[in-house]
All heavy atoms as atom14 arrays in JSON, in Angstrom:
{
  "sequence": "AVVTYYFADKRDLLLSAFRALGERNRIKFDACIASDPPDLLGYLMAM",
  "atom14_mask": [
    [1, 1, 1, 1, 1, 0, 0, 0, 0, 0, 0, 0, 0, 0],
    [1, 1, 1, 1, 1, 1, 1, 0, 0, 0, 0, 0, 0, 0],
    [1, 1, 1, 1, 1, 1, 1, 0, 0, 0, 0, 0, 0, 0],
    [1, 1, 1, 1, 1, 1, 1, 0, 0, 0, 0, 0, 0, 0],
    [1, 1, 1, 1, 1, 1, 1, 1, 1, 1, 1, 1, 0, 0],
    [1, 1, 1, 1, 1, 1, 1, 1, 1, 1, 1, 1, 0, 0],
    [1, 1, 1, 1, 1, 1, 1, 1, 1, 1, 1, 0, 0, 0],
    [1, 1, 1, 1, 1, 0, 0, 0, 0, 0, 0, 0, 0, 0],
    [1, 1, 1, 1, 1, 1, 1, 1, 0, 0, 0, 0, 0, 0],
    [1, 1, 1, 1, 1, 1, 1, 1, 1, 0, 0, 0, 0, 0],
    [1, 1, 1, 1, 1, 1, 1, 1, 1, 1, 1, 0, 0, 0],
    [1, 1, 1, 1, 1, 1, 1, 1, 0, 0, 0, 0, 0, 0],
    [1, 1, 1, 1, 1, 1, 1, 1, 0, 0, 0, 0, 0, 0],
    [1, 1, 1, 1, 1, 1, 1, 1, 0, 0, 0, 0, 0, 0],
    [1, 1, 1, 1, 1, 1, 1, 1, 0, 0, 0, 0, 0, 0],
    [1, 1, 1, 1, 1, 1, 0, 0, 0, 0, 0, 0, 0, 0],
    [1, 1, 1, 1, 1, 0, 0, 0, 0, 0, 0, 0, 0, 0],
    [1, 1, 1, 1, 1, 1, 1, 1, 1, 1, 1, 0, 0, 0],
    [1, 1, 1, 1, 1, 1, 1, 1, 1, 1, 1, 0, 0, 0],
    [1, 1, 1, 1, 1, 0, 0, 0, 0, 0, 0, 0, 0, 0],
    [1, 1, 1, 1, 1, 1, 1, 1, 0, 0, 0, 0, 0, 0],
    [1, 1, 1, 1, 0, 0, 0, 0, 0, 0, 0, 0, 0, 0],
    [1, 1, 1, 1, 1, 1, 1, 1, 1, 0, 0, 0, 0, 0],
    [1, 1, 1, 1, 1, 1, 1, 1, 1, 1, 1, 0, 0, 0],
    [1, 1, 1, 1, 1, 1, 1, 1, 0, 0, 0, 0, 0, 0],
    [1, 1, 1, 1, 1, 1, 1, 1, 1, 1, 1, 0, 0, 0],
    [1, 1, 1, 1, 1, 1, 1, 1, 0, 0, 0, 0, 0, 0],
    [1, 1, 1, 1, 1, 1, 1, 1, 1, 0, 0, 0, 0, 0],
    [1, 1, 1, 1, 1, 1, 1, 1, 1, 1, 1, 0, 0, 0],
    [1, 1, 1, 1, 1, 1, 1, 1, 0, 0, 0, 0, 0, 0],
    [1, 1, 1, 1, 1, 0, 0, 0, 0, 0, 0, 0, 0, 0],
    [1, 1, 1, 1, 1, 1, 0, 0, 0, 0, 0, 0, 0, 0],
    [1, 1, 1, 1, 1, 1, 1, 1, 0, 0, 0, 0, 0, 0],
    [1, 1, 1, 1, 1, 0, 0, 0, 0, 0, 0, 0, 0, 0],
    [1, 1, 1, 1, 1, 1, 0, 0, 0, 0, 0, 0, 0, 0],
    [1, 1, 1, 1, 1, 1, 1, 1, 0, 0, 0, 0, 0, 0],
    [1, 1, 1, 1, 1, 1, 1, 0, 0, 0, 0, 0, 0, 0],
    [1, 1, 1, 1, 1, 1, 1, 0, 0, 0, 0, 0, 0, 0],
    [1, 1, 1, 1, 1, 1, 1, 1, 0, 0, 0, 0, 0, 0],
    [1, 1, 1, 1, 1, 1, 1, 1, 0, 0, 0, 0, 0, 0],
    [1, 1, 1, 1, 1, 1, 1, 1, 0, 0, 0, 0, 0, 0],
    [1, 1, 1, 1, 0, 0, 0, 0, 0, 0, 0, 0, 0, 0],
    [1, 1, 1, 1, 1, 1, 1, 1, 1, 1, 1, 1, 0, 0],
    [1, 1, 1, 1, 1, 1, 1, 1, 0, 0, 0, 0, 0, 0],
    [1, 1, 1, 1, 1, 1, 1, 1, 0, 0, 0, 0, 0, 0],
    [1, 1, 1, 1, 1, 0, 0, 0, 0, 0, 0, 0, 0, 0],
    [1, 1, 1, 1, 1, 1, 1, 1, 0, 0, 0, 0, 0, 0]
  ],
  "atom14_positions": [
    [[-39.21, -24.58, 40.08], [-39.45, -23.23, 40.62], [-39.26, -22.17, 39.53], [-40.01, -21.19, 39.47], [-38.52, -22.95, 41.8], [0.0, 0.0, 0.0], [0.0, 0.0, 0.0], [0.0, 0.0, 0.0], [0.0, 0.0, 0.0], [0.0, 0.0, 0.0], [0.0, 0.0, 0.0], [0.0, 0.0, 0.0], [0.0, 0.0, 0.0], [0.0, 0.0, 0.0]],
    [[-38.27, -22.36, 38.67], [-38.04, -21.4, 37.58], [-39.21, -21.45, 36.59], [-39.71, -20.41, 36.16], [-36.7, -21.67, 36.87], [-36.56, -20.81, 35.61], [-35.53, -21.41, 37.81], [0.0, 0.0, 0.0], [0.0, 0.0, 0.0], [0.0, 0.0, 0.0], [0.0, 0.0, 0.0], [0.0, 0.0, 0.0], [0.0, 0.0, 0.0], [0.0, 0.0, 0.0]],
    [[-39.66, -22.65, 36.23], [-40.78, -22.77, 35.3], [-42.01, -22.11, 35.89], [-42.73, -21.38, 35.2], [-41.04, -24.26, 34.94], [-42.32, -24.39, 34.11], [-39.85, -24.82, 34.17], [0.0, 0.0, 0.0], [0.0, 0.0, 0.0], [0.0, 0.0, 0.0], [0.0, 0.0, 0.0], [0.0, 0.0, 0.0], [0.0, 0.0, 0.0], [0.0, 0.0, 0.0]],
    [[-42.28, -22.35, 37.17], [-43.48, -21.75, 37.78], [-43.31, -20.25, 38.01], [-44.3, -19.56, 38.25], [-43.87, -22.45, 39.1], [-42.76, -22.42, 40.0], [-44.3, -23.88, 38.84], [0.0, 0.0, 0.0], [0.0, 0.0, 0.0], [0.0, 0.0, 0.0], [0.0, 0.0, 0.0], [0.0, 0.0, 0.0], [0.0, 0.0, 0.0], [0.0, 0.0, 0.0]],
    [[-42.1, -19.74, 37.9], [-41.91, -18.29, 37.91], [-42.51, -17.68, 36.64], [-43.09, -16.6, 36.66], [-40.42, -17.95, 38.03], [-40.11, -16.49, 37.83], [-40.34, -15.56, 38.85], [-39.59, -16.02, 36.63], [-40.07, -14.21, 38.67], [-39.32, -14.68, 36.44], [-39.56, -13.78, 37.46], [-39.3, -12.44, 37.28], [0.0, 0.0, 0.0], [0.0, 0.0, 0.0]],
    [[-42.35, -18.39, 35.53], [-42.82, -17.9, 34.24], [-44.27, -18.3, 33.95], [-44.97, -17.61, 33.21], [-41.92, -18.4, 33.11], [-40.55, -17.79, 33.16], [-39.47, -18.5, 33.67], [-40.33, -16.49, 32.73], [-38.21, -17.93, 33.74], [-39.08, -15.92, 32.79], [-38.02, -16.63, 33.3], [-36.78, -16.06, 33.38], [0.0, 0.0, 0.0], [0.0, 0.0, 0.0]],
    [[-44.7, -19.43, 34.49], [-46.04, -19.95, 34.22], [-46.68, -20.39, 35.52], [-46.06, -21.14, 36.29], [-45.97, -21.13, 33.23], [-45.38, -20.75, 31.91], [-44.04, -20.94, 31.64], [-46.17, -20.19, 30.92], [-43.49, -20.58, 30.42], [-45.63, -19.82, 29.7], [-44.29, -20.01, 29.45], [0.0, 0.0, 0.0], [0.0, 0.0, 0.0], [0.0, 0.0, 0.0]],
    [[-47.89, -19.99, 35.74], [-48.56, -20.24, 37.02], [-48.77, -21.73, 37.29], [-48.65, -22.19, 38.42], [-49.9, -19.51, 37.06], [0.0, 0.0, 0.0], [0.0, 0.0, 0.0], [0.0, 0.0, 0.0], [0.0, 0.0, 0.0], [0.0, 0.0, 0.0], [0.0, 0.0, 0.0], [0.0, 0.0, 0.0], [0.0, 0.0, 0.0], [0.0, 0.0, 0.0]],
    [[-49.1, -22.49, 36.23], [-49.42, -23.9, 36.41], [-49.4, -24.58, 35.05], [-49.08, -23.97, 34.03], [-50.79, -24.06, 37.1], [-51.9, -23.28, 36.39], [-51.76, -22.97, 35.19], [-52.91, -22.99, 37.04], [0.0, 0.0, 0.0], [0.0, 0.0, 0.0], [0.0, 0.0, 0.0], [0.0, 0.0, 0.0], [0.0, 0.0, 0.0], [0.0, 0.0, 0.0]],
    [[-49.79, -25.87, 35.04], [-49.79, -26.62, 33.79], [-50.72, -25.99, 32.76], [-50.4, -25.93, 31.58], [-50.19, -28.07, 34.05], [-50.22, -28.91, 32.79], [-50.56, -30.36, 33.05], [-50.64, -31.1, 31.72], [-50.86, -32.53, 31.9], [0.0, 0.0, 0.0], [0.0, 0.0, 0.0], [0.0, 0.0, 0.0], [0.0, 0.0, 0.0], [0.0, 0.0, 0.0]],
    [[-51.87, -25.53, 33.2], [-52.83, -24.92, 32.28], [-52.2, -23.73, 31.57], [-52.38, -23.54, 30.37], [-54.07, -24.5, 33.07], [-55.26, -24.12, 32.23], [-56.39, -23.73, 33.15], [-57.67, -23.65, 32.49], [-58.63, -22.83, 32.89], [-58.46, -22.05, 33.94], [-59.77, -22.79, 32.24], [0.0, 0.0, 0.0], [0.0, 0.0, 0.0], [0.0, 0.0, 0.0]],
    [[-51.46, -22.92, 32.31], [-50.78, -21.76, 31.74], [-49.71, -22.21, 30.74], [-49.54, -21.61, 29.68], [-50.17, -20.93, 32.88], [-49.73, -19.54, 32.44], [-50.21, -19.05, 31.4], [-48.91, -18.94, 33.16], [0.0, 0.0, 0.0], [0.0, 0.0, 0.0], [0.0, 0.0, 0.0], [0.0, 0.0, 0.0], [0.0, 0.0, 0.0], [0.0, 0.0, 0.0]],
    [[-48.99, -23.29, 31.07], [-48.01, -23.85, 30.13], [-48.67, -24.28, 28.83], [-48.19, -23.97, 27.73], [-47.32, -25.07, 30.75], [-46.18, -24.85, 31.72], [-45.82, -26.15, 32.41], [-44.97, -24.27, 31.01], [0.0, 0.0, 0.0], [0.0, 0.0, 0.0], [0.0, 0.0, 0.0], [0.0, 0.0, 0.0], [0.0, 0.0, 0.0], [0.0, 0.0, 0.0]],
    [[-49.79, -24.99, 28.96], [-50.49, -25.47, 27.78], [-51.02, -24.32, 26.93], [-50.94, -24.34, 25.7], [-51.64, -26.4, 28.18], [-51.26, -27.7, 28.87], [-52.5, -28.47, 29.28], [-50.34, -28.54, 28.0], [0.0, 0.0, 0.0], [0.0, 0.0, 0.0], [0.0, 0.0, 0.0], [0.0, 0.0, 0.0], [0.0, 0.0, 0.0], [0.0, 0.0, 0.0]],
    [[-51.53, -23.32, 27.59], [-52.05, -22.15, 26.89], [-50.94, -21.45, 26.1], [-51.14, -21.02, 24.96], [-52.69, -21.19, 27.89], [-53.65, -20.15, 27.34], [-54.77, -20.78, 26.55], [-54.2, -19.32, 28.49], [0.0, 0.0, 0.0], [0.0, 0.0, 0.0], [0.0, 0.0, 0.0], [0.0, 0.0, 0.0], [0.0, 0.0, 0.0], [0.0, 0.0, 0.0]],
    [[-49.75, -21.38, 26.69], [-48.62, -20.75, 25.99], [-48.25, -21.53, 24.74], [-47.93, -20.95, 23.7], [-47.41, -20.62, 26.92], [-46.81, -21.89, 27.15], [0.0, 0.0, 0.0], [0.0, 0.0, 0.0], [0.0, 0.0, 0.0], [0.0, 0.0, 0.0], [0.0, 0.0, 0.0], [0.0, 0.0, 0.0], [0.0, 0.0, 0.0], [0.0, 0.0, 0.0]],
    [[-48.32, -22.86, 24.82], [-48.01, -23.69, 23.65], [-49.06, -23.5, 22.57], [-48.75, -23.43, 21.38], [-47.91, -25.16, 24.06], [0.0, 0.0, 0.0], [0.0, 0.0, 0.0], [0.0, 0.0, 0.0], [0.0, 0.0, 0.0], [0.0, 0.0, 0.0], [0.0, 0.0, 0.0], [0.0, 0.0, 0.0], [0.0, 0.0, 0.0], [0.0, 0.0, 0.0]],
    [[-50.32, -23.43, 22.97], [-51.4, -23.21, 22.01], [-51.19, -21.87, 21.29], [-51.35, -21.78, 20.07], [-52.74, -23.23, 22.74], [-53.92, -23.11, 21.82], [-54.29, -24.17, 21.02], [-54.66, -21.94, 21.75], [-55.38, -24.06, 20.16], [-55.74, -21.82, 20.91], [-56.11, -22.9, 20.11], [0.0, 0.0, 0.0], [0.0, 0.0, 0.0], [0.0, 0.0, 0.0]],
    [[-50.82, -20.86, 22.04], [-50.57, -19.55, 21.42], [-49.35, -19.57, 20.51], [-49.3, -18.85, 19.51], [-50.44, -18.49, 22.52], [-51.78, -18.21, 23.19], [-51.66, -17.29, 24.37], [-52.97, -17.01, 24.93], [-53.18, -16.58, 26.16], [-52.17, -16.37, 26.98], [-54.41, -16.35, 26.58], [0.0, 0.0, 0.0], [0.0, 0.0, 0.0], [0.0, 0.0, 0.0]],
    [[-48.36, -20.41, 20.83], [-47.19, -20.56, 19.96], [-47.61, -21.13, 18.6], [-47.07, -20.73, 17.56], [-46.14, -21.44, 20.62], [0.0, 0.0, 0.0], [0.0, 0.0, 0.0], [0.0, 0.0, 0.0], [0.0, 0.0, 0.0], [0.0, 0.0, 0.0], [0.0, 0.0, 0.0], [0.0, 0.0, 0.0], [0.0, 0.0, 0.0], [0.0, 0.0, 0.0]],
    [[-48.57, -22.05, 18.61], [-49.1, -22.56, 17.34], [-49.73, -21.44, 16.53], [-49.55, -21.35, 15.32], [-50.15, -23.65, 17.6], [-49.66, -25.06, 17.86], [-50.84, -25.97, 18.21], [-48.9, -25.62, 16.68], [0.0, 0.0, 0.0], [0.0, 0.0, 0.0], [0.0, 0.0, 0.0], [0.0, 0.0, 0.0], [0.0, 0.0, 0.0], [0.0, 0.0, 0.0]],
    [[-50.5, -20.59, 17.2], [-51.12, -19.45, 16.52], [-50.1, -18.51, 15.92], [-50.29, -17.96, 14.83], [0.0, 0.0, 0.0], [0.0, 0.0, 0.0], [0.0, 0.0, 0.0], [0.0, 0.0, 0.0], [0.0, 0.0, 0.0], [0.0, 0.0, 0.0], [0.0, 0.0, 0.0], [0.0, 0.0, 0.0], [0.0, 0.0, 0.0], [0.0, 0.0, 0.0]],
    [[-48.99, -18.32, 16.62], [-47.92, -17.45, 16.11], [-47.31, -18.03, 14.84], [-47.0, -17.3, 13.89], [-46.86, -17.24, 17.18], [-45.68, -16.39, 16.76], [-46.04, -14.97, 16.34], [-47.15, -14.49, 16.63], [-45.19, -14.33, 15.7], [0.0, 0.0, 0.0], [0.0, 0.0, 0.0], [0.0, 0.0, 0.0], [0.0, 0.0, 0.0], [0.0, 0.0, 0.0]],
    [[-47.16, -19.34, 14.8], [-46.64, -19.98, 13.58], [-47.55, -19.67, 12.4], [-47.09, -19.4, 11.29], [-46.56, -21.49, 13.76], [-45.46, -21.98, 14.64], [-45.46, -23.49, 14.69], [-44.43, -24.0, 15.56], [-44.16, -25.29, 15.7], [-44.84, -26.19, 15.0], [-43.22, -25.69, 16.52], [0.0, 0.0, 0.0], [0.0, 0.0, 0.0], [0.0, 0.0, 0.0]],
    [[-48.85, -19.72, 12.62], [-49.81, -19.44, 11.56], [-49.71, -17.99, 11.1], [-49.78, -17.7, 9.91], [-51.23, -19.78, 12.02], [-52.22, -19.68, 10.88], [-52.78, -18.61, 10.65], [-52.42, -20.76, 10.17], [0.0, 0.0, 0.0], [0.0, 0.0, 0.0], [0.0, 0.0, 0.0], [0.0, 0.0, 0.0], [0.0, 0.0, 0.0], [0.0, 0.0, 0.0]],
    [[-49.52, -17.08, 12.05], [-49.41, -15.66, 11.68], [-48.19, -15.42, 10.8], [-48.24, -14.66, 9.83], [-49.33, -14.79, 12.94], [-49.37, -13.28, 12.6], [-48.87, -12.42, 13.74], [-47.52, -12.71, 14.15], [-46.42, -12.37, 13.47], [-46.5, -11.71, 12.33], [-45.22, -12.68, 13.93], [0.0, 0.0, 0.0], [0.0, 0.0, 0.0], [0.0, 0.0, 0.0]],
    [[-47.09, -16.08, 11.11], [-45.86, -15.91, 10.32], [-46.09, -16.39, 8.88], [-45.66, -15.75, 7.92], [-44.69, -16.66, 11.0], [-44.3, -15.93, 12.3], [-43.49, -16.78, 10.06], [-43.38, -16.71, 13.2], [0.0, 0.0, 0.0], [0.0, 0.0, 0.0], [0.0, 0.0, 0.0], [0.0, 0.0, 0.0], [0.0, 0.0, 0.0], [0.0, 0.0, 0.0]],
    [[-46.78, -17.53, 8.72], [-47.1, -18.03, 7.38], [-47.96, -17.02, 6.63], [-47.76, -16.75, 5.44], [-47.84, -19.36, 7.48], [-47.02, -20.49, 8.02], [-47.91, -21.7, 8.25], [-47.18, -22.79, 9.0], [-48.07, -23.92, 9.31], [0.0, 0.0, 0.0], [0.0, 0.0, 0.0], [0.0, 0.0, 0.0], [0.0, 0.0, 0.0], [0.0, 0.0, 0.0]],
    [[-48.96, -16.48, 7.33], [-49.84, -15.49, 6.71], [-49.04, -14.29, 6.23], [-49.21, -13.84, 5.08], [-50.9, -15.03, 7.72], [-51.63, -13.79, 7.3], [-52.6, -13.85, 6.3], [-51.34, -12.56, 7.87], [-53.27, -12.7, 5.9], [-51.99, -11.42, 7.47], [-52.96, -11.49, 6.49], [0.0, 0.0, 0.0], [0.0, 0.0, 0.0], [0.0, 0.0, 0.0]],
    [[-48.17, -13.74, 7.08], [-47.39, -12.56, 6.71], [-46.6, -12.78, 5.43], [-46.53, -11.9, 4.57], [-46.44, -12.16, 7.85], [-47.16, -11.55, 9.04], [-48.36, -11.2, 8.93], [-46.53, -11.43, 10.12], [0.0, 0.0, 0.0], [0.0, 0.0, 0.0], [0.0, 0.0, 0.0], [0.0, 0.0, 0.0], [0.0, 0.0, 0.0], [0.0, 0.0, 0.0]],
    [[-46.01, -13.97, 5.29], [-45.22, -14.26, 4.1], [-46.1, -14.35, 2.86], [-45.76, -13.82, 1.8], [-44.44, -15.56, 4.29], [0.0, 0.0, 0.0], [0.0, 0.0, 0.0], [0.0, 0.0, 0.0], [0.0, 0.0, 0.0], [0.0, 0.0, 0.0], [0.0, 0.0, 0.0], [0.0, 0.0, 0.0], [0.0, 0.0, 0.0], [0.0, 0.0, 0.0]],
    [[-47.25, -15.0, 2.98], [-48.12, -15.21, 1.81], [-48.89, -13.97, 1.4], [-49.12, -13.74, 0.21], [-49.08, -16.36, 2.09], [-48.25, -17.97, 2.22], [0.0, 0.0, 0.0], [0.0, 0.0, 0.0], [0.0, 0.0, 0.0], [0.0, 0.0, 0.0], [0.0, 0.0, 0.0], [0.0, 0.0, 0.0], [0.0, 0.0, 0.0], [0.0, 0.0, 0.0]],
    [[-49.29, -13.14, 2.36], [-50.05, -11.93, 2.0], [-49.13, -10.89, 1.36], [-49.58, -10.05, 0.59], [-50.79, -11.33, 3.23], [-51.91, -10.37, 2.8], [-49.84, -10.63, 4.18], [-53.13, -10.99, 2.22], [0.0, 0.0, 0.0], [0.0, 0.0, 0.0], [0.0, 0.0, 0.0], [0.0, 0.0, 0.0], [0.0, 0.0, 0.0], [0.0, 0.0, 0.0]],
    [[-47.83, -10.98, 1.65], [-46.87, -10.03, 1.1], [-46.54, -10.33, -0.36], [-45.95, -9.49, -1.05], [-45.6, -10.01, 1.93], [0.0, 0.0, 0.0], [0.0, 0.0, 0.0], [0.0, 0.0, 0.0], [0.0, 0.0, 0.0], [0.0, 0.0, 0.0], [0.0, 0.0, 0.0], [0.0, 0.0, 0.0], [0.0, 0.0, 0.0], [0.0, 0.0, 0.0]],
    [[-46.9, -11.51, -0.85], [-46.64, -11.86, -2.26], [-47.45, -10.95, -3.17], [-48.45, -10.39, -2.77], [-47.04, -13.32, -2.52], [-46.27, -14.19, -1.77], [0.0, 0.0, 0.0], [0.0, 0.0, 0.0], [0.0, 0.0, 0.0], [0.0, 0.0, 0.0], [0.0, 0.0, 0.0], [0.0, 0.0, 0.0], [0.0, 0.0, 0.0], [0.0, 0.0, 0.0]],
    [[-46.99, -10.84, -4.42], [-47.72, -10.03, -5.39], [-48.02, -10.9, -6.61], [-47.13, -11.2, -7.39], [-46.88, -8.82, -5.8], [-47.65, -7.87, -6.69], [-48.9, -7.93, -6.68], [-47.01, -7.08, -7.4], [0.0, 0.0, 0.0], [0.0, 0.0, 0.0], [0.0, 0.0, 0.0], [0.0, 0.0, 0.0], [0.0, 0.0, 0.0], [0.0, 0.0, 0.0]],
    [[-49.27, -11.35, -6.78], [-50.44, -11.11, -5.93], [-50.37, -11.96, -4.66], [-49.59, -12.9, -4.59], [-51.62, -11.55, -6.82], [-51.03, -12.6, -7.71], [-49.6, -12.18, -7.96], [0.0, 0.0, 0.0], [0.0, 0.0, 0.0], [0.0, 0.0, 0.0], [0.0, 0.0, 0.0], [0.0, 0.0, 0.0], [0.0, 0.0, 0.0], [0.0, 0.0, 0.0]],
    [[-51.2, -11.63, -3.67], [-51.21, -12.41, -2.43], [-51.46, -13.89, -2.74], [-52.29, -14.22, -3.58], [-52.37, -11.8, -1.64], [-52.49, -10.4, -2.17], [-52.14, -10.51, -3.64], [0.0, 0.0, 0.0], [0.0, 0.0, 0.0], [0.0, 0.0, 0.0], [0.0, 0.0, 0.0], [0.0, 0.0, 0.0], [0.0, 0.0, 0.0], [0.0, 0.0, 0.0]],
    [[-50.72, -14.76, -2.04], [-50.74, -16.19, -2.34], [-51.69, -16.94, -1.41], [-51.27, -17.58, -0.44], [-49.31, -16.74, -2.22], [-49.19, -18.18, -2.68], [-50.18, -18.74, -3.2], [-48.08, -18.74, -2.51], [0.0, 0.0, 0.0], [0.0, 0.0, 0.0], [0.0, 0.0, 0.0], [0.0, 0.0, 0.0], [0.0, 0.0, 0.0], [0.0, 0.0, 0.0]],
    [[-52.98, -16.88, -1.71], [-53.98, -17.57, -0.9], [-53.75, -19.08, -0.91], [-53.8, -19.72, 0.14], [-55.39, -17.25, -1.42], [-56.56, -18.01, -0.78], [-56.58, -17.82, 0.73], [-57.88, -17.57, -1.41], [0.0, 0.0, 0.0], [0.0, 0.0, 0.0], [0.0, 0.0, 0.0], [0.0, 0.0, 0.0], [0.0, 0.0, 0.0], [0.0, 0.0, 0.0]],
    [[-53.49, -19.64, -2.08], [-53.26, -21.08, -2.15], [-52.05, -21.47, -1.31], [-52.08, -22.47, -0.58], [-53.08, -21.53, -3.6], [-52.81, -23.02, -3.82], [-53.92, -23.88, -3.22], [-52.63, -23.32, -5.3], [0.0, 0.0, 0.0], [0.0, 0.0, 0.0], [0.0, 0.0, 0.0], [0.0, 0.0, 0.0], [0.0, 0.0, 0.0], [0.0, 0.0, 0.0]],
    [[-50.99, -20.68, -1.38], [-49.8, -20.97, -0.57], [-50.1, -20.94, 0.91], [-49.61, -21.77, 1.68], [0.0, 0.0, 0.0], [0.0, 0.0, 0.0], [0.0, 0.0, 0.0], [0.0, 0.0, 0.0], [0.0, 0.0, 0.0], [0.0, 0.0, 0.0], [0.0, 0.0, 0.0], [0.0, 0.0, 0.0], [0.0, 0.0, 0.0], [0.0, 0.0, 0.0]],
    [[-50.94, -19.99, 1.34], [-51.31, -19.89, 2.75], [-52.11, -21.11, 3.18], [-51.84, -21.72, 4.22], [-52.11, -18.61, 2.99], [-52.53, -18.41, 4.43], [-51.59, -18.34, 5.44], [-53.87, -18.29, 4.76], [-51.98, -18.15, 6.77], [-54.27, -18.09, 6.08], [-53.32, -18.03, 7.08], [-53.71, -17.84, 8.38], [0.0, 0.0, 0.0], [0.0, 0.0, 0.0]],
    [[-53.09, -21.49, 2.38], [-53.89, -22.66, 2.72], [-53.03, -23.92, 2.74], [-53.17, -24.76, 3.64], [-55.06, -22.81, 1.74], [-56.08, -21.67, 1.72], [-57.14, -21.92, 0.65], [-56.73, -21.46, 3.08], [0.0, 0.0, 0.0], [0.0, 0.0, 0.0], [0.0, 0.0, 0.0], [0.0, 0.0, 0.0], [0.0, 0.0, 0.0], [0.0, 0.0, 0.0]],
    [[-52.14, -24.07, 1.77], [-51.24, -25.22, 1.75], [-50.35, -25.25, 3.0], [-50.11, -26.31, 3.57], [-50.35, -25.2, 0.48], [-51.07, -25.48, -0.81], [-51.62, -27.19, -0.98], [-50.06, -28.06, -1.1], [0.0, 0.0, 0.0], [0.0, 0.0, 0.0], [0.0, 0.0, 0.0], [0.0, 0.0, 0.0], [0.0, 0.0, 0.0], [0.0, 0.0, 0.0]],
    [[-49.89, -24.08, 3.43], [-49.01, -24.0, 4.6], [-49.73, -24.37, 5.88], [-49.09, -24.72, 6.87], [-48.42, -22.59, 4.71], [0.0, 0.0, 0.0], [0.0, 0.0, 0.0], [0.0, 0.0, 0.0], [0.0, 0.0, 0.0], [0.0, 0.0, 0.0], [0.0, 0.0, 0.0], [0.0, 0.0, 0.0], [0.0, 0.0, 0.0], [0.0, 0.0, 0.0]],
    [[-51.05, -24.3, 5.88], [-51.82, -24.67, 7.07], [-52.15, -26.15, 7.11], [-52.65, -26.64, 8.12], [-53.13, -23.87, 7.14], [-52.95, -22.42, 7.49], [-54.49, -21.61, 7.97], [-55.62, -22.03, 6.68], [0.0, 0.0, 0.0], [0.0, 0.0, 0.0], [0.0, 0.0, 0.0], [0.0, 0.0, 0.0], [0.0, 0.0, 0.0], [0.0, 0.0, 0.0]]
  ]
}
């Protein structure tokens, strides 16, 4: 009941996990683009 309070169904749960993967990628990007010069190779390696 608590889980379904936060997520409508299994599909919603799966979608949240997929978006969590995307957030991991964004964090890697933020770190690599902030380098001087920006670290494109580091970003690609991190993916």
